[in-house]
Amino acid sequence: MADAKNSLKSIVEWLDGTDEAGWERQIELGEQCRSEMERTARPKYSGARKGSHQFGPERNPDAGKLNRAASHVRAMLSAMRNRNRAAALEHGRAAMAVM
């Protein structure tokens, strides 16, 4: 989760600036961030849990936060594709607040 949070922070800082040349790179970073968040939030299936006799998926305790933040990141990416810096920044900040 730390990598996704650092990536998101970097994107939000970029959005808060005035650079117009880096849109595609920032969108690419955002897609990687979203993908990592969604992957991390999914339950892991690995047989019996350590120290337990329970079988089944092991849920990340941060899954709820990650899923809520990922929805903001998806909205941020949509705004970024439309070059809507203000909306993208708003959604990026909302994602950061959730995390």
PDB file of N, CA and C in Angstrom:
ATOM      1  N   MET A   1       0.828  -1.190   0.000  1.00  0.00           N
ATOM      2  CA  MET A   1       0.000   0.000   0.000  1.00  0.00           C
ATOM      3  C   MET A   1       0.869   1.249   0.000  1.00  0.00           C
ATOM      4  N   ALA A   2       2.057   1.154   0.590  1.00  0.00           N
ATOM      5  CA  ALA A   2       2.941   2.319   0.661  1.00  0.00           C
ATOM      6  C   ALA A   2       3.350   2.792  -0.732  1.00  0.00           C
ATOM      7  N   ASP A   3       3.626   1.848  -1.649  1.00  0.00           N
ATOM      8  CA  ASP A   3       4.016   2.238  -3.007  1.00  0.00           C
ATOM      9  C   ASP A   3       2.889   2.983  -3.703  1.00  0.00           C
ATOM     10  N   ALA A   4       1.673   2.476  -3.569  1.00  0.00           N
ATOM     11  CA  ALA A   4       0.523   3.133  -4.193  1.00  0.00           C
ATOM     12  C   ALA A   4       0.321   4.520  -3.604  1.00  0.00           C
ATOM     13  N   LYS A   5       0.466   4.629  -2.305  1.00  0.00           N
ATOM     14  CA  LYS A   5       0.276   5.924  -1.650  1.00  0.00           C
ATOM     15  C   LYS A   5       1.339   6.922  -2.104  1.00  0.00           C
ATOM     16  N   ASN A   6       2.584   6.467  -2.214  1.00  0.00           N
ATOM     17  CA  ASN A   6       3.658   7.347  -2.689  1.00  0.00           C
ATOM     18  C   ASN A   6       3.432   7.775  -4.133  1.00  0.00           C
ATOM     19  N   SER A   7       2.993   6.847  -4.973  1.00  0.00           N
ATOM     20  CA  SER A   7       2.701   7.182  -6.369  1.00  0.00           C
ATOM     21  C   SER A   7       1.572   8.188  -6.453  1.00  0.00           C
ATOM     22  N   LEU A   8       0.526   7.943  -5.683  1.00  0.00           N
ATOM     23  CA  LEU A   8      -0.615   8.846  -5.686  1.00  0.00           C
ATOM     24  C   LEU A   8      -0.203  10.242  -5.211  1.00  0.00           C
ATOM     25  N   LYS A   9       0.598  10.286  -4.176  1.00  0.00           N
ATOM     26  CA  LYS A   9       1.072  11.574  -3.662  1.00  0.00           C
ATOM     27  C   LYS A   9       1.844  12.327  -4.743  1.00  0.00           C
ATOM     28  N   SER A  10       2.697  11.620  -5.463  1.00  0.00           N
ATOM     29  CA  SER A  10       3.480  12.220  -6.542  1.00  0.00           C
ATOM     30  C   SER A  10       2.563  12.780  -7.635  1.00  0.00           C
ATOM     31  N   ILE A  11       1.537  12.037  -7.998  1.00  0.00           N
ATOM     32  CA  ILE A  11       0.598  12.478  -9.033  1.00  0.00           C
ATOM     33  C   ILE A  11      -0.157  13.716  -8.563  1.00  0.00           C
ATOM     34  N   VAL A  12      -0.624  13.703  -7.321  1.00  0.00           N
ATOM     35  CA  VAL A  12      -1.361  14.850  -6.772  1.00  0.00           C
ATOM     36  C   VAL A  12      -0.465  16.090  -6.764  1.00  0.00           C
ATOM     37  N   GLU A  13       0.793  15.918  -6.379  1.00  0.00           N
ATOM     38  CA  GLU A  13       1.728  17.049  -6.396  1.00  0.00           C
ATOM     39  C   GLU A  13       1.905  17.578  -7.815  1.00  0.00           C
ATOM     40  N   TRP A  14       1.985  16.678  -8.804  1.00  0.00           N
ATOM     41  CA  TRP A  14       2.109  17.104 -10.193  1.00  0.00           C
ATOM     42  C   TRP A  14       0.850  17.861 -10.623  1.00  0.00           C
ATOM     43  N   LEU A  15      -0.312  17.322 -10.267  1.00  0.00           N
ATOM     44  CA  LEU A  15      -1.568  17.980 -10.631  1.00  0.00           C
ATOM     45  C   LEU A  15      -1.690  19.361 -10.001  1.00  0.00           C
ATOM     46  N   ASP A  16      -1.101  19.528  -8.844  1.00  0.00           N
ATOM     47  CA  ASP A  16      -1.152  20.810  -8.137  1.00  0.00           C
ATOM     48  C   ASP A  16      -0.229  21.845  -8.792  1.00  0.00           C
ATOM     49  N   GLY A  17       0.599  21.404  -9.720  1.00  0.00           N
ATOM     50  CA  GLY A  17       1.520  22.306 -10.422  1.00  0.00           C
ATOM     51  C   GLY A  17       0.930  22.797 -11.732  1.00  0.00           C
ATOM     52  N   THR A  18       1.806  23.179 -12.638  1.00  0.00           N
ATOM     53  CA  THR A  18       1.357  23.750 -13.923  1.00  0.00           C
ATOM     54  C   THR A  18       1.955  23.050 -15.135  1.00  0.00           C
ATOM     55  N   ASP A  19       2.720  21.978 -14.928  1.00  0.00           N
ATOM     56  CA  ASP A  19       3.356  21.264 -16.038  1.00  0.00           C
ATOM     57  C   ASP A  19       2.291  20.679 -16.957  1.00  0.00           C
ATOM     58  N   GLU A  20       2.332  21.043 -18.212  1.00  0.00           N
ATOM     59  CA  GLU A  20       1.365  20.518 -19.187  1.00  0.00           C
ATOM     60  C   GLU A  20       1.961  19.410 -20.051  1.00  0.00           C
ATOM     61  N   ALA A  21       3.265  19.164 -19.924  1.00  0.00           N
ATOM     62  CA  ALA A  21       3.924  18.209 -20.812  1.00  0.00           C
ATOM     63  C   ALA A  21       3.849  16.771 -20.318  1.00  0.00           C
ATOM     64  N   GLY A  22       3.528  16.543 -19.048  1.00  0.00           N
ATOM     65  CA  GLY A  22       3.637  15.206 -18.494  1.00  0.00           C
ATOM     66  C   GLY A  22       2.354  14.424 -18.334  1.00  0.00           C
ATOM     67  N   TRP A  23       1.290  14.801 -18.993  1.00  0.00           N
ATOM     68  CA  TRP A  23       0.002  14.130 -18.797  1.00  0.00           C
ATOM     69  C   TRP A  23       0.073  12.628 -18.998  1.00  0.00           C
ATOM     70  N   GLU A  24       0.622  12.199 -20.117  1.00  0.00           N
ATOM     71  CA  GLU A  24       0.624  10.761 -20.446  1.00  0.00           C
ATOM     72  C   GLU A  24       1.408   9.965 -19.408  1.00  0.00           C
ATOM     73  N   ARG A  25       2.539  10.483 -18.976  1.00  0.00           N
ATOM     74  CA  ARG A  25       3.344   9.783 -17.969  1.00  0.00           C
ATOM     75  C   ARG A  25       2.595   9.697 -16.646  1.00  0.00           C
ATOM     76  N   GLN A  26       1.926  10.771 -16.255  1.00  0.00           N
ATOM     77  CA  GLN A  26       1.188  10.773 -14.996  1.00  0.00           C
ATOM     78  C   GLN A  26      -0.022   9.825 -15.066  1.00  0.00           C
ATOM     79  N   ILE A  27      -0.666   9.772 -16.209  1.00  0.00           N
ATOM     80  CA  ILE A  27      -1.786   8.838 -16.390  1.00  0.00           C
ATOM     81  C   ILE A  27      -1.274   7.401 -16.279  1.00  0.00           C
ATOM     82  N   GLU A  28      -0.132   7.134 -16.881  1.00  0.00           N
ATOM     83  CA  GLU A  28       0.473   5.798 -16.796  1.00  0.00           C
ATOM     84  C   GLU A  28       0.774   5.432 -15.336  1.00  0.00           C
ATOM     85  N   LEU A  29       1.359   6.366 -14.591  1.00  0.00           N
ATOM     86  CA  LEU A  29       1.627   6.128 -13.171  1.00  0.00           C
ATOM     87  C   LEU A  29       0.329   5.894 -12.402  1.00  0.00           C
ATOM     88  N   GLY A  30      -0.698   6.662 -12.737  1.00  0.00           N
ATOM     89  CA  GLY A  30      -1.999   6.507 -12.088  1.00  0.00           C
ATOM     90  C   GLY A  30      -2.610   5.142 -12.353  1.00  0.00           C
ATOM     91  N   GLU A  31      -2.472   4.656 -13.579  1.00  0.00           N
ATOM     92  CA  GLU A  31      -2.986   3.319 -13.914  1.00  0.00           C
ATOM     93  C   GLU A  31      -2.254   2.237 -13.120  1.00  0.00           C
ATOM     94  N   GLN A  32      -0.941   2.388 -12.980  1.00  0.00           N
ATOM     95  CA  GLN A  32      -0.167   1.431 -12.186  1.00  0.00           C
ATOM     96  C   GLN A  32      -0.602   1.478 -10.723  1.00  0.00           C
ATOM     97  N   CYS A  33      -0.828   2.672 -10.224  1.00  0.00           N
ATOM     98  CA  CYS A  33      -1.262   2.865  -8.837  1.00  0.00           C
ATOM     99  C   CYS A  33      -2.630   2.202  -8.619  1.00  0.00           C
ATOM    100  N   ARG A  34      -3.569   2.463  -9.524  1.00  0.00           N
ATOM    101  CA  ARG A  34      -4.909   1.879  -9.430  1.00  0.00           C
ATOM    102  C   ARG A  34      -4.845   0.364  -9.469  1.00  0.00           C
ATOM    103  N   SER A  35      -4.039  -0.158 -10.374  1.00  0.00           N
ATOM    104  CA  SER A  35      -3.900  -1.605 -10.510  1.00  0.00           C
ATOM    105  C   SER A  35      -3.341  -2.225  -9.231  1.00  0.00           C
ATOM    106  N   GLU A  36      -2.326  -1.589  -8.663  1.00  0.00           N
ATOM    107  CA  GLU A  36      -1.738  -2.103  -7.427  1.00  0.00           C
ATOM    108  C   GLU A  36      -2.751  -2.065  -6.281  1.00  0.00           C
ATOM    109  N   MET A  37      -3.513  -0.993  -6.197  1.00  0.00           N
ATOM    110  CA  MET A  37      -4.518  -0.865  -5.142  1.00  0.00           C
ATOM    111  C   MET A  37      -5.568  -1.968  -5.266  1.00  0.00           C
ATOM    112  N   GLU A  38      -6.055  -2.190  -6.472  1.00  0.00           N
ATOM    113  CA  GLU A  38      -7.076  -3.214  -6.685  1.00  0.00           C
ATOM    114  C   GLU A  38      -6.527  -4.608  -6.414  1.00  0.00           C
ATOM    115  N   ARG A  39      -5.287  -4.861  -6.836  1.00  0.00           N
ATOM    116  CA  ARG A  39      -4.667  -6.169  -6.605  1.00  0.00           C
ATOM    117  C   ARG A  39      -4.473  -6.413  -5.107  1.00  0.00           C
ATOM    118  N   THR A  40      -4.004  -5.414  -4.400  1.00  0.00           N
ATOM    119  CA  THR A  40      -3.742  -5.539  -2.967  1.00  0.00           C
ATOM    120  C   THR A  40      -5.035  -5.733  -2.175  1.00  0.00           C
ATOM    121  N   ALA A  41      -6.131  -5.153  -2.648  1.00  0.00           N
ATOM    122  CA  ALA A  41      -7.407  -5.241  -1.931  1.00  0.00           C
ATOM    123  C   ALA A  41      -8.080  -6.600  -2.102  1.00  0.00           C
ATOM    124  N   ARG A  42      -7.701  -7.349  -3.137  1.00  0.00           N
ATOM    125  CA  ARG A  42      -8.332  -8.659  -3.369  1.00  0.00           C
ATOM    126  C   ARG A  42      -7.912  -9.662  -2.308  1.00  0.00           C
ATOM    127  N   PRO A  43      -8.813 -10.557  -1.935  1.00  0.00           N
ATOM    128  CA  PRO A  43      -8.444 -11.610  -0.974  1.00  0.00           C
ATOM    129  C   PRO A  43      -7.375 -12.517  -1.569  1.00  0.00           C
ATOM    130  N   LYS A  44      -6.524 -13.033  -0.693  1.00  0.00           N
ATOM    131  CA  LYS A  44      -5.481 -13.974  -1.109  1.00  0.00           C
ATOM    132  C   LYS A  44      -5.949 -15.378  -0.773  1.00  0.00           C
ATOM    133  N   TYR A  45      -5.776 -16.277  -1.706  1.00  0.00           N
ATOM    134  CA  TYR A  45      -6.141 -17.671  -1.496  1.00  0.00           C
ATOM    135  C   TYR A  45      -4.858 -18.472  -1.361  1.00  0.00           C
ATOM    136  N   SER A  46      -4.598 -18.938  -0.143  1.00  0.00           N
ATOM    137  CA  SER A  46      -3.338 -19.665   0.059  1.00  0.00           C
ATOM    138  C   SER A  46      -3.500 -20.825   1.036  1.00  0.00           C
ATOM    139  N   GLY A  47      -4.630 -21.485   0.998  1.00  0.00           N
ATOM    140  CA  GLY A  47      -4.830 -22.627   1.894  1.00  0.00           C
ATOM    141  C   GLY A  47      -5.053 -22.174   3.322  1.00  0.00           C
ATOM    142  N   ALA A  48      -4.518 -22.927   4.263  1.00  0.00           N
ATOM    143  CA  ALA A  48      -4.711 -22.596   5.676  1.00  0.00           C
ATOM    144  C   ALA A  48      -3.903 -21.357   6.047  1.00  0.00           C
ATOM    145  N   ARG A  49      -4.486 -20.530   6.880  1.00  0.00           N
ATOM    146  CA  ARG A  49      -3.792 -19.342   7.356  1.00  0.00           C
ATOM    147  C   ARG A  49      -2.772 -19.747   8.410  1.00  0.00           C
ATOM    148  N   LYS A  50      -1.705 -18.988   8.501  1.00  0.00           N
ATOM    149  CA  LYS A  50      -0.657 -19.269   9.487  1.00  0.00           C
ATOM    150  C   LYS A  50      -1.241 -19.226  10.890  1.00  0.00           C
ATOM    151  N   GLY A  51      -0.898 -20.229  11.691  1.00  0.00           N
ATOM    152  CA  GLY A  51      -1.356 -20.253  13.078  1.00  0.00           C
ATOM    153  C   GLY A  51      -2.838 -20.494  13.216  1.00  0.00           C
ATOM    154  N   SER A  52      -3.462 -20.940  12.160  1.00  0.00           N
ATOM    155  CA  SER A  52      -4.909 -21.130  12.191  1.00  0.00           C
ATOM    156  C   SER A  52      -5.256 -22.409  11.440  1.00  0.00           C
ATOM    157  N   HIS A  53      -6.391 -22.951  11.798  1.00  0.00           N
ATOM    158  CA  HIS A  53      -6.860 -24.134  11.080  1.00  0.00           C
ATOM    159  C   HIS A  53      -7.968 -23.761  10.110  1.00  0.00           C
ATOM    160  N   GLN A  54      -8.126 -22.466   9.881  1.00  0.00           N
ATOM    161  CA  GLN A  54      -9.161 -22.000   8.956  1.00  0.00           C
ATOM    162  C   GLN A  54      -8.632 -21.993   7.537  1.00  0.00           C
ATOM    163  N   PHE A  55      -9.487 -22.383   6.621  1.00  0.00           N
ATOM    164  CA  PHE A  55      -9.154 -22.346   5.205  1.00  0.00           C
ATOM    165  C   PHE A  55      -9.983 -21.259   4.553  1.00  0.00           C
ATOM    166  N   GLY A  56      -9.513 -20.794   3.418  1.00  0.00           N
ATOM    167  CA  GLY A  56     -10.269 -19.797   2.678  1.00  0.00           C
ATOM    168  C   GLY A  56      -9.463 -18.540   2.455  1.00  0.00           C
ATOM    169  N   PRO A  57     -10.116 -17.533   1.899  1.00  0.00           N
ATOM    170  CA  PRO A  57      -9.389 -16.315   1.533  1.00  0.00           C
ATOM    171  C   PRO A  57      -8.942 -15.519   2.760  1.00  0.00           C
ATOM    172  N   GLU A  58      -7.780 -14.921   2.617  1.00  0.00           N
ATOM    173  CA  GLU A  58      -7.254 -14.032   3.650  1.00  0.00           C
ATOM    174  C   GLU A  58      -7.446 -12.608   3.142  1.00  0.00           C
ATOM    175  N   ARG A  59      -8.223 -11.825   3.865  1.00  0.00           N
ATOM    176  CA  ARG A  59      -8.563 -10.475   3.423  1.00  0.00           C
ATOM    177  C   ARG A  59      -7.576  -9.468   3.989  1.00  0.00           C
ATOM    178  N   ASN A  60      -7.141  -8.548   3.139  1.00  0.00           N
ATOM    179  CA  ASN A  60      -6.281  -7.455   3.567  1.00  0.00           C
ATOM    180  C   ASN A  60      -7.100  -6.541   4.485  1.00  0.00           C
ATOM    181  N   PRO A  61      -6.598  -6.227   5.681  1.00  0.00           N
ATOM    182  CA  PRO A  61      -7.364  -5.363   6.589  1.00  0.00           C
ATOM    183  C   PRO A  61      -7.591  -3.953   6.030  1.00  0.00           C
ATOM    184  N   ASP A  62      -6.793  -3.546   5.047  1.00  0.00           N
ATOM    185  CA  ASP A  62      -6.953  -2.230   4.421  1.00  0.00           C
ATOM    186  C   ASP A  62      -7.801  -2.287   3.153  1.00  0.00           C
ATOM    187  N   ALA A  63      -8.424  -3.418   2.872  1.00  0.00           N
ATOM    188  CA  ALA A  63      -9.160  -3.586   1.616  1.00  0.00           C
ATOM    189  C   ALA A  63     -10.258  -2.541   1.435  1.00  0.00           C
ATOM    190  N   GLY A  64     -10.989  -2.235   2.480  1.00  0.00           N
ATOM    191  CA  GLY A  64     -12.060  -1.235   2.367  1.00  0.00           C
ATOM    192  C   GLY A  64     -11.524   0.123   1.969  1.00  0.00           C
ATOM    193  N   LYS A  65     -10.452   0.533   2.621  1.00  0.00           N
ATOM    194  CA  LYS A  65      -9.819   1.824   2.285  1.00  0.00           C
ATOM    195  C   LYS A  65      -9.313   1.814   0.849  1.00  0.00           C
ATOM    196  N   LEU A  66      -8.661   0.717   0.481  1.00  0.00           N
ATOM    197  CA  LEU A  66      -8.104   0.624  -0.865  1.00  0.00           C
ATOM    198  C   LEU A  66      -9.200   0.683  -1.927  1.00  0.00           C
ATOM    199  N   ASN A  67     -10.303  -0.003  -1.692  1.00  0.00           N
ATOM    200  CA  ASN A  67     -11.402   0.014  -2.662  1.00  0.00           C
ATOM    201  C   ASN A  67     -12.016   1.408  -2.782  1.00  0.00           C
ATOM    202  N   ARG A  68     -12.190   2.091  -1.649  1.00  0.00           N
ATOM    203  CA  ARG A  68     -12.740   3.459  -1.705  1.00  0.00           C
ATOM    204  C   ARG A  68     -11.769   4.402  -2.408  1.00  0.00           C
ATOM    205  N   ALA A  69     -10.495   4.280  -2.078  1.00  0.00           N
ATOM    206  CA  ALA A  69      -9.489   5.134  -2.715  1.00  0.00           C
ATOM    207  C   ALA A  69      -9.393   4.836  -4.210  1.00  0.00           C
ATOM    208  N   ALA A  70      -9.479   3.570  -4.584  1.00  0.00           N
ATOM    209  CA  ALA A  70      -9.376   3.191  -5.993  1.00  0.00           C
ATOM    210  C   ALA A  70     -10.502   3.804  -6.815  1.00  0.00           C
ATOM    211  N   SER A  71     -11.694   3.937  -6.237  1.00  0.00           N
ATOM    212  CA  SER A  71     -12.784   4.566  -6.991  1.00  0.00           C
ATOM    213  C   SER A  71     -12.465   6.037  -7.260  1.00  0.00           C
ATOM    214  N   HIS A  72     -11.832   6.709  -6.306  1.00  0.00           N
ATOM    215  CA  HIS A  72     -11.405   8.093  -6.527  1.00  0.00           C
ATOM    216  C   HIS A  72     -10.283   8.159  -7.569  1.00  0.00           C
ATOM    217  N   VAL A  73      -9.384   7.182  -7.541  1.00  0.00           N
ATOM    218  CA  VAL A  73      -8.291   7.159  -8.509  1.00  0.00           C
ATOM    219  C   VAL A  73      -8.845   6.945  -9.918  1.00  0.00           C
ATOM    220  N   ARG A  74      -9.844   6.077 -10.059  1.00  0.00           N
ATOM    221  CA  ARG A  74     -10.468   5.885 -11.382  1.00  0.00           C
ATOM    222  C   ARG A  74     -11.078   7.191 -11.881  1.00  0.00           C
ATOM    223  N   ALA A  75     -11.762   7.926 -10.997  1.00  0.00           N
ATOM    224  CA  ALA A  75     -12.345   9.220 -11.377  1.00  0.00           C
ATOM    225  C   ALA A  75     -11.245  10.229 -11.703  1.00  0.00           C
ATOM    226  N   MET A  76     -10.155  10.199 -10.946  1.00  0.00           N
ATOM    227  CA  MET A  76      -9.021  11.089 -11.209  1.00  0.00           C
ATOM    228  C   MET A  76      -8.451  10.819 -12.597  1.00  0.00           C
ATOM    229  N   LEU A  77      -8.285   9.532 -12.932  1.00  0.00           N
ATOM    230  CA  LEU A  77      -7.734   9.168 -14.236  1.00  0.00           C
ATOM    231  C   LEU A  77      -8.655   9.603 -15.374  1.00  0.00           C
ATOM    232  N   SER A  78      -9.940   9.465 -15.181  1.00  0.00           N
ATOM    233  CA  SER A  78     -10.889   9.912 -16.196  1.00  0.00           C
ATOM    234  C   SER A  78     -10.759  11.414 -16.425  1.00  0.00           C
ATOM    235  N   ALA A  79     -10.679  12.175 -15.343  1.00  0.00           N
ATOM    236  CA  ALA A  79     -10.508  13.628 -15.457  1.00  0.00           C
ATOM    237  C   ALA A  79      -9.166  13.960 -16.115  1.00  0.00           C
ATOM    238  N   MET A  80      -8.133  13.197 -15.793  1.00  0.00           N
ATOM    239  CA  MET A  80      -6.819  13.447 -16.394  1.00  0.00           C
ATOM    240  C   MET A  80      -6.847  13.193 -17.897  1.00  0.00           C
ATOM    241  N   ARG A  81      -7.545  12.159 -18.327  1.00  0.00           N
ATOM    242  CA  ARG A  81      -7.636  11.877 -19.772  1.00  0.00           C
ATOM    243  C   ARG A  81      -8.330  13.024 -20.510  1.00  0.00           C
ATOM    244  N   ASN A  82      -9.221  13.718 -19.796  1.00  0.00           N
ATOM    245  CA  ASN A  82      -9.920  14.876 -20.370  1.00  0.00           C
ATOM    246  C   ASN A  82      -9.174  16.182 -20.110  1.00  0.00           C
ATOM    247  N   ARG A  83      -7.977  16.063 -19.520  1.00  0.00           N
ATOM    248  CA  ARG A  83      -7.132  17.222 -19.188  1.00  0.00           C
ATOM    249  C   ARG A  83      -7.847  18.205 -18.265  1.00  0.00           C
ATOM    250  N   ASN A  84      -8.686  17.664 -17.379  1.00  0.00           N
ATOM    251  CA  ASN A  84      -9.396  18.476 -16.396  1.00  0.00           C
ATOM    252  C   ASN A  84      -8.604  18.425 -15.091  1.00  0.00           C
ATOM    253  N   ARG A  85      -7.643  19.313 -14.982  1.00  0.00           N
ATOM    254  CA  ARG A  85      -6.715  19.314 -13.850  1.00  0.00           C
ATOM    255  C   ARG A  85      -7.445  19.525 -12.527  1.00  0.00           C
ATOM    256  N   ALA A  86      -8.410  20.450 -12.486  1.00  0.00           N
ATOM    257  CA  ALA A  86      -9.113  20.762 -11.228  1.00  0.00           C
ATOM    258  C   ALA A  86      -9.872  19.543 -10.707  1.00  0.00           C
ATOM    259  N   ALA A  87     -10.616  18.863 -11.580  1.00  0.00           N
ATOM    260  CA  ALA A  87     -11.378  17.683 -11.162  1.00  0.00           C
ATOM    261  C   ALA A  87     -10.435  16.547 -10.778  1.00  0.00           C
ATOM    262  N   ALA A  88      -9.365  16.371 -11.541  1.00  0.00           N
ATOM    263  CA  ALA A  88      -8.402  15.312 -11.246  1.00  0.00           C
ATOM    264  C   ALA A  88      -7.758  15.551  -9.881  1.00  0.00           C
ATOM    265  N   LEU A  89      -7.409  16.799  -9.613  1.00  0.00           N
ATOM    266  CA  LEU A  89      -6.801  17.145  -8.330  1.00  0.00           C
ATOM    267  C   LEU A  89      -7.769  16.888  -7.182  1.00  0.00           C
ATOM    268  N   GLU A  90      -9.033  17.231  -7.382  1.00  0.00           N
ATOM    269  CA  GLU A  90     -10.056  17.001  -6.354  1.00  0.00           C
ATOM    270  C   GLU A  90     -10.180  15.507  -6.035  1.00  0.00           C
ATOM    271  N   HIS A  91     -10.241  14.677  -7.063  1.00  0.00           N
ATOM    272  CA  HIS A  91     -10.363  13.227  -6.858  1.00  0.00           C
ATOM    273  C   HIS A  91      -9.088  12.634  -6.279  1.00  0.00           C
ATOM    274  N   GLY A  92      -7.941  13.144  -6.712  1.00  0.00           N
ATOM    275  CA  GLY A  92      -6.666  12.671  -6.162  1.00  0.00           C
ATOM    276  C   GLY A  92      -6.545  12.980  -4.679  1.00  0.00           C
ATOM    277  N   ARG A  93      -6.947  14.176  -4.309  1.00  0.00           N
ATOM    278  CA  ARG A  93      -6.913  14.543  -2.874  1.00  0.00           C
ATOM    279  C   ARG A  93      -7.896  13.700  -2.067  1.00  0.00           C
ATOM    280  N   ALA A  94      -9.055  13.404  -2.654  1.00  0.00           N
ATOM    281  CA  ALA A  94     -10.037  12.562  -1.968  1.00  0.00           C
ATOM    282  C   ALA A  94      -9.471  11.155  -1.758  1.00  0.00           C
ATOM    283  N   ALA A  95      -8.775  10.631  -2.739  1.00  0.00           N
ATOM    284  CA  ALA A  95      -8.153   9.306  -2.613  1.00  0.00           C
ATOM    285  C   ALA A  95      -7.096   9.319  -1.517  1.00  0.00           C
ATOM    286  N   MET A  96      -6.297  10.369  -1.479  1.00  0.00           N
ATOM    287  CA  MET A  96      -5.268  10.486  -0.433  1.00  0.00           C
ATOM    288  C   MET A  96      -5.913  10.541   0.964  1.00  0.00           C
ATOM    289  N   ALA A  97      -7.015  11.248   1.073  1.00  0.00           N
ATOM    290  CA  ALA A  97      -7.690  11.378   2.374  1.00  0.00           C
ATOM    291  C   ALA A  97      -8.188  10.023   2.868  1.00  0.00           C
ATOM    292  N   VAL A  98      -8.644   9.185   1.957  1.00  0.00           N
ATOM    293  CA  VAL A  98      -9.142   7.852   2.323  1.00  0.00           C
ATOM    294  C   VAL A  98      -8.001   6.957   2.792  1.00  0.00           C
ATOM    295  N   MET A  99      -6.869   7.086   2.137  1.00  0.00           N
ATOM    296  CA  MET A  99      -5.730   6.226   2.470  1.00  0.00           C
ATOM    297  C   MET A  99      -5.067   6.713   3.731  1.00  0.00           C
TER     298      MET A  99
END
